[in-house]
PDB file of N, CA and C in Angstrom:
ATOM      1  N   MET A   1      27.888   4.633 -14.264  1.00  0.00           N
ATOM      2  CA  MET A   1      26.661   4.620 -15.017  1.00  0.00           C
ATOM      3  C   MET A   1      25.575   3.848 -14.281  1.00  0.00           C
ATOM      4  N   ALA A   2      25.914   2.675 -13.755  1.00  0.00           N
ATOM      5  CA  ALA A   2      24.944   1.858 -13.037  1.00  0.00           C
ATOM      6  C   ALA A   2      24.496   2.549 -11.755  1.00  0.00           C
ATOM      7  N   ALA A   3      25.428   3.229 -11.086  1.00  0.00           N
ATOM      8  CA  ALA A   3      25.083   3.937  -9.849  1.00  0.00           C
ATOM      9  C   ALA A   3      24.071   5.043 -10.131  1.00  0.00           C
ATOM     10  N   GLU A   4      24.243   5.728 -11.239  1.00  0.00           N
ATOM     11  CA  GLU A   4      23.305   6.794 -11.610  1.00  0.00           C
ATOM     12  C   GLU A   4      21.925   6.208 -11.916  1.00  0.00           C
ATOM     13  N   ALA A   5      21.889   5.088 -12.598  1.00  0.00           N
ATOM     14  CA  ALA A   5      20.619   4.425 -12.909  1.00  0.00           C
ATOM     15  C   ALA A   5      19.929   3.976 -11.625  1.00  0.00           C
ATOM     16  N   ASP A   6      20.716   3.473 -10.668  1.00  0.00           N
ATOM     17  CA  ASP A   6      20.149   3.061  -9.385  1.00  0.00           C
ATOM     18  C   ASP A   6      19.554   4.256  -8.633  1.00  0.00           C
ATOM     19  N   ARG A   7      20.251   5.385  -8.673  1.00  0.00           N
ATOM     20  CA  ARG A   7      19.753   6.591  -8.001  1.00  0.00           C
ATOM     21  C   ARG A   7      18.446   7.067  -8.640  1.00  0.00           C
ATOM     22  N   ARG A   8      18.398   7.017  -9.959  1.00  0.00           N
ATOM     23  CA  ARG A   8      17.169   7.428 -10.660  1.00  0.00           C
ATOM     24  C   ARG A   8      16.021   6.480 -10.336  1.00  0.00           C
ATOM     25  N   ALA A   9      16.304   5.194 -10.290  1.00  0.00           N
ATOM     26  CA  ALA A   9      15.272   4.213  -9.955  1.00  0.00           C
ATOM     27  C   ALA A   9      14.763   4.442  -8.538  1.00  0.00           C
ATOM     28  N   GLU A  10      15.660   4.730  -7.615  1.00  0.00           N
ATOM     29  CA  GLU A  10      15.264   5.005  -6.227  1.00  0.00           C
ATOM     30  C   GLU A  10      14.415   6.265  -6.160  1.00  0.00           C
ATOM     31  N   LEU A  11      14.808   7.301  -6.894  1.00  0.00           N
ATOM     32  CA  LEU A  11      14.033   8.543  -6.931  1.00  0.00           C
ATOM     33  C   LEU A  11      12.646   8.283  -7.505  1.00  0.00           C
ATOM     34  N   ASP A  12      12.569   7.533  -8.588  1.00  0.00           N
ATOM     35  CA  ASP A  12      11.271   7.191  -9.178  1.00  0.00           C
ATOM     36  C   ASP A  12      10.388   6.451  -8.178  1.00  0.00           C
ATOM     37  N   LEU A  13      10.984   5.518  -7.460  1.00  0.00           N
ATOM     38  CA  LEU A  13      10.241   4.764  -6.457  1.00  0.00           C
ATOM     39  C   LEU A  13       9.706   5.682  -5.368  1.00  0.00           C
ATOM     40  N   GLN A  14      10.558   6.556  -4.856  1.00  0.00           N
ATOM     41  CA  GLN A  14      10.132   7.465  -3.790  1.00  0.00           C
ATOM     42  C   GLN A  14       9.017   8.403  -4.257  1.00  0.00           C
ATOM     43  N   ILE A  15       9.129   8.905  -5.471  1.00  0.00           N
ATOM     44  CA  ILE A  15       8.085   9.781  -6.017  1.00  0.00           C
ATOM     45  C   ILE A  15       6.783   9.004  -6.179  1.00  0.00           C
ATOM     46  N   SER A  16       6.869   7.798  -6.664  1.00  0.00           N
ATOM     47  CA  SER A  16       5.667   6.968  -6.842  1.00  0.00           C
ATOM     48  C   SER A  16       4.998   6.671  -5.508  1.00  0.00           C
ATOM     49  N   LEU A  17       5.790   6.359  -4.490  1.00  0.00           N
ATOM     50  CA  LEU A  17       5.225   6.083  -3.170  1.00  0.00           C
ATOM     51  C   LEU A  17       4.560   7.321  -2.585  1.00  0.00           C
ATOM     52  N   LEU A  18       5.195   8.470  -2.735  1.00  0.00           N
ATOM     53  CA  LEU A  18       4.620   9.713  -2.240  1.00  0.00           C
ATOM     54  C   LEU A  18       3.320  10.035  -2.973  1.00  0.00           C
ATOM     55  N   THR A  19       3.311   9.862  -4.276  1.00  0.00           N
ATOM     56  CA  THR A  19       2.115  10.117  -5.078  1.00  0.00           C
ATOM     57  C   THR A  19       0.980   9.194  -4.663  1.00  0.00           C
ATOM     58  N   GLU A  20       1.278   7.929  -4.490  1.00  0.00           N
ATOM     59  CA  GLU A  20       0.269   6.956  -4.056  1.00  0.00           C
ATOM     60  C   GLU A  20      -0.331   7.368  -2.721  1.00  0.00           C
ATOM     61  N   HIS A  21       0.510   7.769  -1.786  1.00  0.00           N
ATOM     62  CA  HIS A  21       0.045   8.183  -0.463  1.00  0.00           C
ATOM     63  C   HIS A  21      -0.859   9.412  -0.565  1.00  0.00           C
ATOM     64  N   GLU A  22      -0.462  10.386  -1.352  1.00  0.00           N
ATOM     65  CA  GLU A  22      -1.256  11.610  -1.492  1.00  0.00           C
ATOM     66  C   GLU A  22      -2.589  11.334  -2.174  1.00  0.00           C
ATOM     67  N   ILE A  23      -2.597  10.511  -3.193  1.00  0.00           N
ATOM     68  CA  ILE A  23      -3.848  10.187  -3.884  1.00  0.00           C
ATOM     69  C   ILE A  23      -4.793   9.447  -2.938  1.00  0.00           C
ATOM     70  N   THR A  24      -4.254   8.552  -2.131  1.00  0.00           N
ATOM     71  CA  THR A  24      -5.074   7.831  -1.163  1.00  0.00           C
ATOM     72  C   THR A  24      -5.751   8.803  -0.213  1.00  0.00           C
ATOM     73  N   LYS A  25      -5.025   9.815   0.242  1.00  0.00           N
ATOM     74  CA  LYS A  25      -5.602  10.813   1.150  1.00  0.00           C
ATOM     75  C   LYS A  25      -6.695  11.626   0.453  1.00  0.00           C
ATOM     76  N   VAL A  26      -6.479  11.985  -0.799  1.00  0.00           N
ATOM     77  CA  VAL A  26      -7.474  12.764  -1.548  1.00  0.00           C
ATOM     78  C   VAL A  26      -8.747  11.940  -1.734  1.00  0.00           C
ATOM     79  N   VAL A  27      -8.604  10.667  -2.080  1.00  0.00           N
ATOM     80  CA  VAL A  27      -9.772   9.811  -2.269  1.00  0.00           C
ATOM     81  C   VAL A  27     -10.524   9.639  -0.950  1.00  0.00           C
ATOM     82  N   ALA A  28      -9.800   9.497   0.151  1.00  0.00           N
ATOM     83  CA  ALA A  28     -10.449   9.382   1.451  1.00  0.00           C
ATOM     84  C   ALA A  28     -11.242  10.656   1.769  1.00  0.00           C
ATOM     85  N   LEU A  29     -10.680  11.802   1.460  1.00  0.00           N
ATOM     86  CA  LEU A  29     -11.384  13.073   1.667  1.00  0.00           C
ATOM     87  C   LEU A  29     -12.644  13.139   0.805  1.00  0.00           C
ATOM     88  N   LEU A  30     -12.531  12.730  -0.448  1.00  0.00           N
ATOM     89  CA  LEU A  30     -13.697  12.719  -1.326  1.00  0.00           C
ATOM     90  C   LEU A  30     -14.773  11.769  -0.813  1.00  0.00           C
ATOM     91  N   ASN A  31     -14.358  10.644  -0.264  1.00  0.00           N
ATOM     92  CA  ASN A  31     -15.324   9.703   0.317  1.00  0.00           C
ATOM     93  C   ASN A  31     -16.047  10.314   1.512  1.00  0.00           C
ATOM     94  N   GLU A  32     -15.369  11.166   2.267  1.00  0.00           N
ATOM     95  CA  GLU A  32     -16.016  11.855   3.379  1.00  0.00           C
ATOM     96  C   GLU A  32     -16.981  12.927   2.881  1.00  0.00           C
ATOM     97  N   MET A  33     -16.659  13.556   1.769  1.00  0.00           N
ATOM     98  CA  MET A  33     -17.504  14.607   1.211  1.00  0.00           C
ATOM     99  C   MET A  33     -18.731  14.044   0.485  1.00  0.00           C
ATOM    100  N   ALA A  34     -18.614  12.852  -0.045  1.00  0.00           N
ATOM    101  CA  ALA A  34     -19.657  12.271  -0.889  1.00  0.00           C
ATOM    102  C   ALA A  34     -21.043  12.242  -0.228  1.00  0.00           C
ATOM    103  N   PRO A  35     -21.171  11.806   1.025  1.00  0.00           N
ATOM    104  CA  PRO A  35     -22.511  11.777   1.622  1.00  0.00           C
ATOM    105  C   PRO A  35     -23.164  13.167   1.696  1.00  0.00           C
ATOM    106  N   LYS A  36     -22.376  14.196   1.874  1.00  0.00           N
ATOM    107  CA  LYS A  36     -22.924  15.544   1.926  1.00  0.00           C
ATOM    108  C   LYS A  36     -23.455  15.982   0.567  1.00  0.00           C
ATOM    109  N   MET A  37     -22.968  15.313  -0.479  1.00  0.00           N
ATOM    110  CA  MET A  37     -23.406  15.620  -1.837  1.00  0.00           C
ATOM    111  C   MET A  37     -24.415  14.573  -2.322  1.00  0.00           C
ATOM    112  N   GLU A  38     -24.895  13.754  -1.368  1.00  0.00           N
ATOM    113  CA  GLU A  38     -25.859  12.687  -1.645  1.00  0.00           C
ATOM    114  C   GLU A  38     -25.340  11.675  -2.665  1.00  0.00           C
ATOM    115  N   ILE A  39     -24.075  11.335  -2.510  1.00  0.00           N
ATOM    116  CA  ILE A  39     -23.427  10.320  -3.339  1.00  0.00           C
ATOM    117  C   ILE A  39     -22.983   9.198  -2.406  1.00  0.00           C
ATOM    118  N   ASP A  40     -23.261   7.972  -2.791  1.00  0.00           N
ATOM    119  CA  ASP A  40     -22.847   6.827  -1.987  1.00  0.00           C
ATOM    120  C   ASP A  40     -21.578   6.227  -2.593  1.00  0.00           C
ATOM    121  N   PRO A  41     -20.409   6.556  -2.024  1.00  0.00           N
ATOM    122  CA  PRO A  41     -19.158   6.049  -2.602  1.00  0.00           C
ATOM    123  C   PRO A  41     -19.010   4.537  -2.480  1.00  0.00           C
ATOM    124  N   ARG A  42     -19.790   3.908  -1.609  1.00  0.00           N
ATOM    125  CA  ARG A  42     -19.682   2.455  -1.444  1.00  0.00           C
ATOM    126  C   ARG A  42     -20.173   1.709  -2.673  1.00  0.00           C
ATOM    127  N   GLN A  43     -20.909   2.397  -3.532  1.00  0.00           N
ATOM    128  CA  GLN A  43     -21.398   1.753  -4.750  1.00  0.00           C
ATOM    129  C   GLN A  43     -20.301   1.589  -5.788  1.00  0.00           C
ATOM    130  N   ASN A  44     -19.204   2.315  -5.621  1.00  0.00           N
ATOM    131  CA  ASN A  44     -18.105   2.231  -6.587  1.00  0.00           C
ATOM    132  C   ASN A  44     -16.933   1.510  -5.936  1.00  0.00           C
ATOM    133  N   GLU A  45     -16.736   0.263  -6.330  1.00  0.00           N
ATOM    134  CA  GLU A  45     -15.681  -0.568  -5.734  1.00  0.00           C
ATOM    135  C   GLU A  45     -14.288   0.005  -5.978  1.00  0.00           C
ATOM    136  N   GLU A  46     -14.078   0.622  -7.135  1.00  0.00           N
ATOM    137  CA  GLU A  46     -12.770   1.201  -7.444  1.00  0.00           C
ATOM    138  C   GLU A  46     -12.426   2.331  -6.485  1.00  0.00           C
ATOM    139  N   LEU A  47     -13.426   3.136  -6.113  1.00  0.00           N
ATOM    140  CA  LEU A  47     -13.172   4.213  -5.153  1.00  0.00           C
ATOM    141  C   LEU A  47     -12.782   3.650  -3.797  1.00  0.00           C
ATOM    142  N   GLN A  48     -13.454   2.593  -3.390  1.00  0.00           N
ATOM    143  CA  GLN A  48     -13.127   1.975  -2.109  1.00  0.00           C
ATOM    144  C   GLN A  48     -11.703   1.434  -2.119  1.00  0.00           C
ATOM    145  N   GLU A  49     -11.331   0.818  -3.221  1.00  0.00           N
ATOM    146  CA  GLU A  49      -9.977   0.266  -3.344  1.00  0.00           C
ATOM    147  C   GLU A  49      -8.933   1.385  -3.346  1.00  0.00           C
ATOM    148  N   ALA A  50      -9.233   2.484  -4.024  1.00  0.00           N
ATOM    149  CA  ALA A  50      -8.284   3.597  -4.108  1.00  0.00           C
ATOM    150  C   ALA A  50      -8.106   4.289  -2.764  1.00  0.00           C
ATOM    151  N   ALA A  51      -9.105   4.178  -1.900  1.00  0.00           N
ATOM    152  CA  ALA A  51      -9.030   4.845  -0.600  1.00  0.00           C
ATOM    153  C   ALA A  51      -8.237   4.042   0.424  1.00  0.00           C
ATOM    154  N   SER A  52      -7.877   2.820   0.095  1.00  0.00           N
ATOM    155  CA  SER A  52      -7.145   2.006   1.069  1.00  0.00           C
ATOM    156  C   SER A  52      -5.646   2.121   0.828  1.00  0.00           C
ATOM    157  N   ASP A  53      -4.917   2.228   1.925  1.00  0.00           N
ATOM    158  CA  ASP A  53      -3.457   2.287   1.835  1.00  0.00           C
ATOM    159  C   ASP A  53      -2.909   0.923   1.439  1.00  0.00           C
ATOM    160  N   ILE A  54      -1.892   0.941   0.634  1.00  0.00           N
ATOM    161  CA  ILE A  54      -1.232  -0.296   0.215  1.00  0.00           C
ATOM    162  C   ILE A  54       0.201  -0.247   0.718  1.00  0.00           C
ATOM    163  N   ALA A  55       0.577  -1.288   1.440  1.00  0.00           N
ATOM    164  CA  ALA A  55       1.940  -1.351   1.968  1.00  0.00           C
ATOM    165  C   ALA A  55       2.905  -1.689   0.842  1.00  0.00           C
ATOM    166  N   PRO A  56       3.932  -0.876   0.643  1.00  0.00           N
ATOM    167  CA  PRO A  56       4.906  -1.158  -0.420  1.00  0.00           C
ATOM    168  C   PRO A  56       5.537  -2.535  -0.282  1.00  0.00           C
ATOM    169  N   GLU A  57       5.672  -3.016   0.953  1.00  0.00           N
ATOM    170  CA  GLU A  57       6.282  -4.324   1.172  1.00  0.00           C
ATOM    171  C   GLU A  57       5.445  -5.426   0.524  1.00  0.00           C
ATOM    172  N   ARG A  58       4.115  -5.284   0.590  1.00  0.00           N
ATOM    173  CA  ARG A  58       3.240  -6.284  -0.026  1.00  0.00           C
ATOM    174  C   ARG A  58       3.404  -6.288  -1.540  1.00  0.00           C
ATOM    175  N   VAL A  59       3.562  -5.118  -2.117  1.00  0.00           N
ATOM    176  CA  VAL A  59       3.749  -5.024  -3.564  1.00  0.00           C
ATOM    177  C   VAL A  59       5.062  -5.695  -3.953  1.00  0.00           C
ATOM    178  N   LEU A  60       6.118  -5.412  -3.201  1.00  0.00           N
ATOM    179  CA  LEU A  60       7.416  -6.031  -3.483  1.00  0.00           C
ATOM    180  C   LEU A  60       7.350  -7.549  -3.350  1.00  0.00           C
ATOM    181  N   ASP A  61       6.615  -8.033  -2.342  1.00  0.00           N
ATOM    182  CA  ASP A  61       6.463  -9.480  -2.175  1.00  0.00           C
ATOM    183  C   ASP A  61       5.780 -10.093  -3.394  1.00  0.00           C
ATOM    184  N   LYS A  62       4.731  -9.425  -3.899  1.00  0.00           N
ATOM    185  CA  LYS A  62       4.025  -9.932  -5.085  1.00  0.00           C
ATOM    186  C   LYS A  62       4.943  -9.943  -6.304  1.00  0.00           C
ATOM    187  N   ILE A  63       5.735  -8.887  -6.448  1.00  0.00           N
ATOM    188  CA  ILE A  63       6.676  -8.823  -7.565  1.00  0.00           C
ATOM    189  C   ILE A  63       7.681  -9.965  -7.457  1.00  0.00           C
ATOM    190  N   ASP A  64       8.226 -10.173  -6.253  1.00  0.00           N
ATOM    191  CA  ASP A  64       9.193 -11.256  -6.045  1.00  0.00           C
ATOM    192  C   ASP A  64       8.568 -12.613  -6.340  1.00  0.00           C
ATOM    193  N   GLN A  65       7.313 -12.803  -5.930  1.00  0.00           N
ATOM    194  CA  GLN A  65       6.639 -14.076  -6.209  1.00  0.00           C
ATOM    195  C   GLN A  65       6.483 -14.287  -7.704  1.00  0.00           C
ATOM    196  N   GLY A  66       6.124 -13.243  -8.408  1.00  0.00           N
ATOM    197  CA  GLY A  66       5.964 -13.340  -9.861  1.00  0.00           C
ATOM    198  C   GLY A  66       7.274 -13.649 -10.546  1.00  0.00           C
ATOM    199  N   LEU A  67       8.337 -13.000 -10.103  1.00  0.00           N
ATOM    200  CA  LEU A  67       9.643 -13.233 -10.712  1.00  0.00           C
ATOM    201  C   LEU A  67      10.133 -14.643 -10.423  1.00  0.00           C
ATOM    202  N   SER A  68       9.954 -15.105  -9.191  1.00  0.00           N
ATOM    203  CA  SER A  68      10.428 -16.447  -8.871  1.00  0.00           C
ATOM    204  C   SER A  68       9.584 -17.495  -9.581  1.00  0.00           C
ATOM    205  N   GLY A  69       8.310 -17.191  -9.811  1.00  0.00           N
ATOM    206  CA  GLY A  69       7.457 -18.117 -10.556  1.00  0.00           C
ATOM    207  C   GLY A  69       7.897 -18.248 -11.999  1.00  0.00           C
ATOM    208  N   ARG A  70       8.316 -17.126 -12.573  1.00  0.00           N
ATOM    209  CA  ARG A  70       8.790 -17.160 -13.962  1.00  0.00           C
ATOM    210  C   ARG A  70      10.131 -17.870 -14.064  1.00  0.00           C
ATOM    211  N   ASN A  71      10.983 -17.689 -13.059  1.00  0.00           N
ATOM    212  CA  ASN A  71      12.301 -18.336 -13.081  1.00  0.00           C
ATOM    213  C   ASN A  71      12.190 -19.844 -12.916  1.00  0.00           C
ATOM    214  N   ASN A  72      11.147 -20.309 -12.218  1.00  0.00           N
ATOM    215  CA  ASN A  72      10.966 -21.738 -11.994  1.00  0.00           C
ATOM    216  C   ASN A  72      10.147 -22.394 -13.096  1.00  0.00           C
ATOM    217  N   ALA A  73       9.539 -21.607 -13.965  1.00  0.00           N
ATOM    218  CA  ALA A  73       8.718 -22.157 -15.041  1.00  0.00           C
ATOM    219  C   ALA A  73       9.624 -22.781 -16.102  1.00  0.00           C
ATOM    220  N   PRO A  74       9.142 -23.841 -16.720  1.00  0.00           N
ATOM    221  CA  PRO A  74       9.948 -24.454 -17.783  1.00  0.00           C
ATOM    222  C   PRO A  74      10.136 -23.476 -18.928  1.00  0.00           C
ATOM    223  N   ALA A  75      11.277 -23.517 -19.523  1.00  0.00           N
ATOM    224  CA  ALA A  75      11.581 -22.614 -20.638  1.00  0.00           C
ATOM    225  C   ALA A  75      10.714 -22.966 -21.836  1.00  0.00           C
ATOM    226  N   ALA A  76      10.255 -21.942 -22.511  1.00  0.00           N
ATOM    227  CA  ALA A  76       9.452 -22.160 -23.714  1.00  0.00           C
ATOM    228  C   ALA A  76      10.347 -22.671 -24.812  1.00  0.00           C
ATOM    229  N   ARG A  77       9.875 -23.665 -25.516  1.00  0.00           N
ATOM    230  CA  ARG A  77      10.662 -24.231 -26.607  1.00  0.00           C
ATOM    231  C   ARG A  77      10.242 -23.588 -27.900  1.00  0.00           C
ATOM    232  N   SER A  78      11.208 -23.206 -28.666  1.00  0.00           N
ATOM    233  CA  SER A  78      10.870 -22.634 -29.961  1.00  0.00           C
ATOM    234  C   SER A  78      10.608 -23.758 -30.929  1.00  0.00           C
ATOM    235  N   GLN A  79       9.575 -23.573 -31.700  1.00  0.00           N
ATOM    236  CA  GLN A  79       9.231 -24.587 -32.688  1.00  0.00           C
ATOM    237  C   GLN A  79       9.673 -24.114 -34.056  1.00  0.00           C
ATOM    238  N   LYS A  80      10.244 -25.022 -34.809  1.00  0.00           N
ATOM    239  CA  LYS A  80      10.665 -24.684 -36.151  1.00  0.00           C
ATOM    240  C   LYS A  80       9.460 -24.748 -37.072  1.00  0.00           C
ATOM    241  N   PRO A  81       9.346 -23.802 -37.965  1.00  0.00           N
ATOM    242  CA  PRO A  81       8.226 -23.866 -38.912  1.00  0.00           C
ATOM    243  C   PRO A  81       8.365 -25.086 -39.803  1.00  0.00           C
ATOM    244  N   GLU A  82       7.237 -25.712 -40.079  1.00  0.00           N
ATOM    245  CA  GLU A  82       7.262 -26.928 -40.912  1.00  0.00           C
ATOM    246  C   GLU A  82       7.017 -26.612 -42.348  1.00  0.00           C
TER     247      GLU A  82
END
């Protein structure tokens, strides 16, 4: 059961990475087309961000940092109602 879940998670990851890569290429193409349509894509920060490739390793590092930060944080204490 766990092996099947791992395979599905790996498949989901691969599909997500492929989708991200393809969307980045489409946005880059649109940014090239924009000046011909008298649109300045530099005015939209989100478009600029979407056109840049993101290394999966950097995302994993951020996730690991977040998880280790939560593991090192003091445990929340439950308060009894008064």
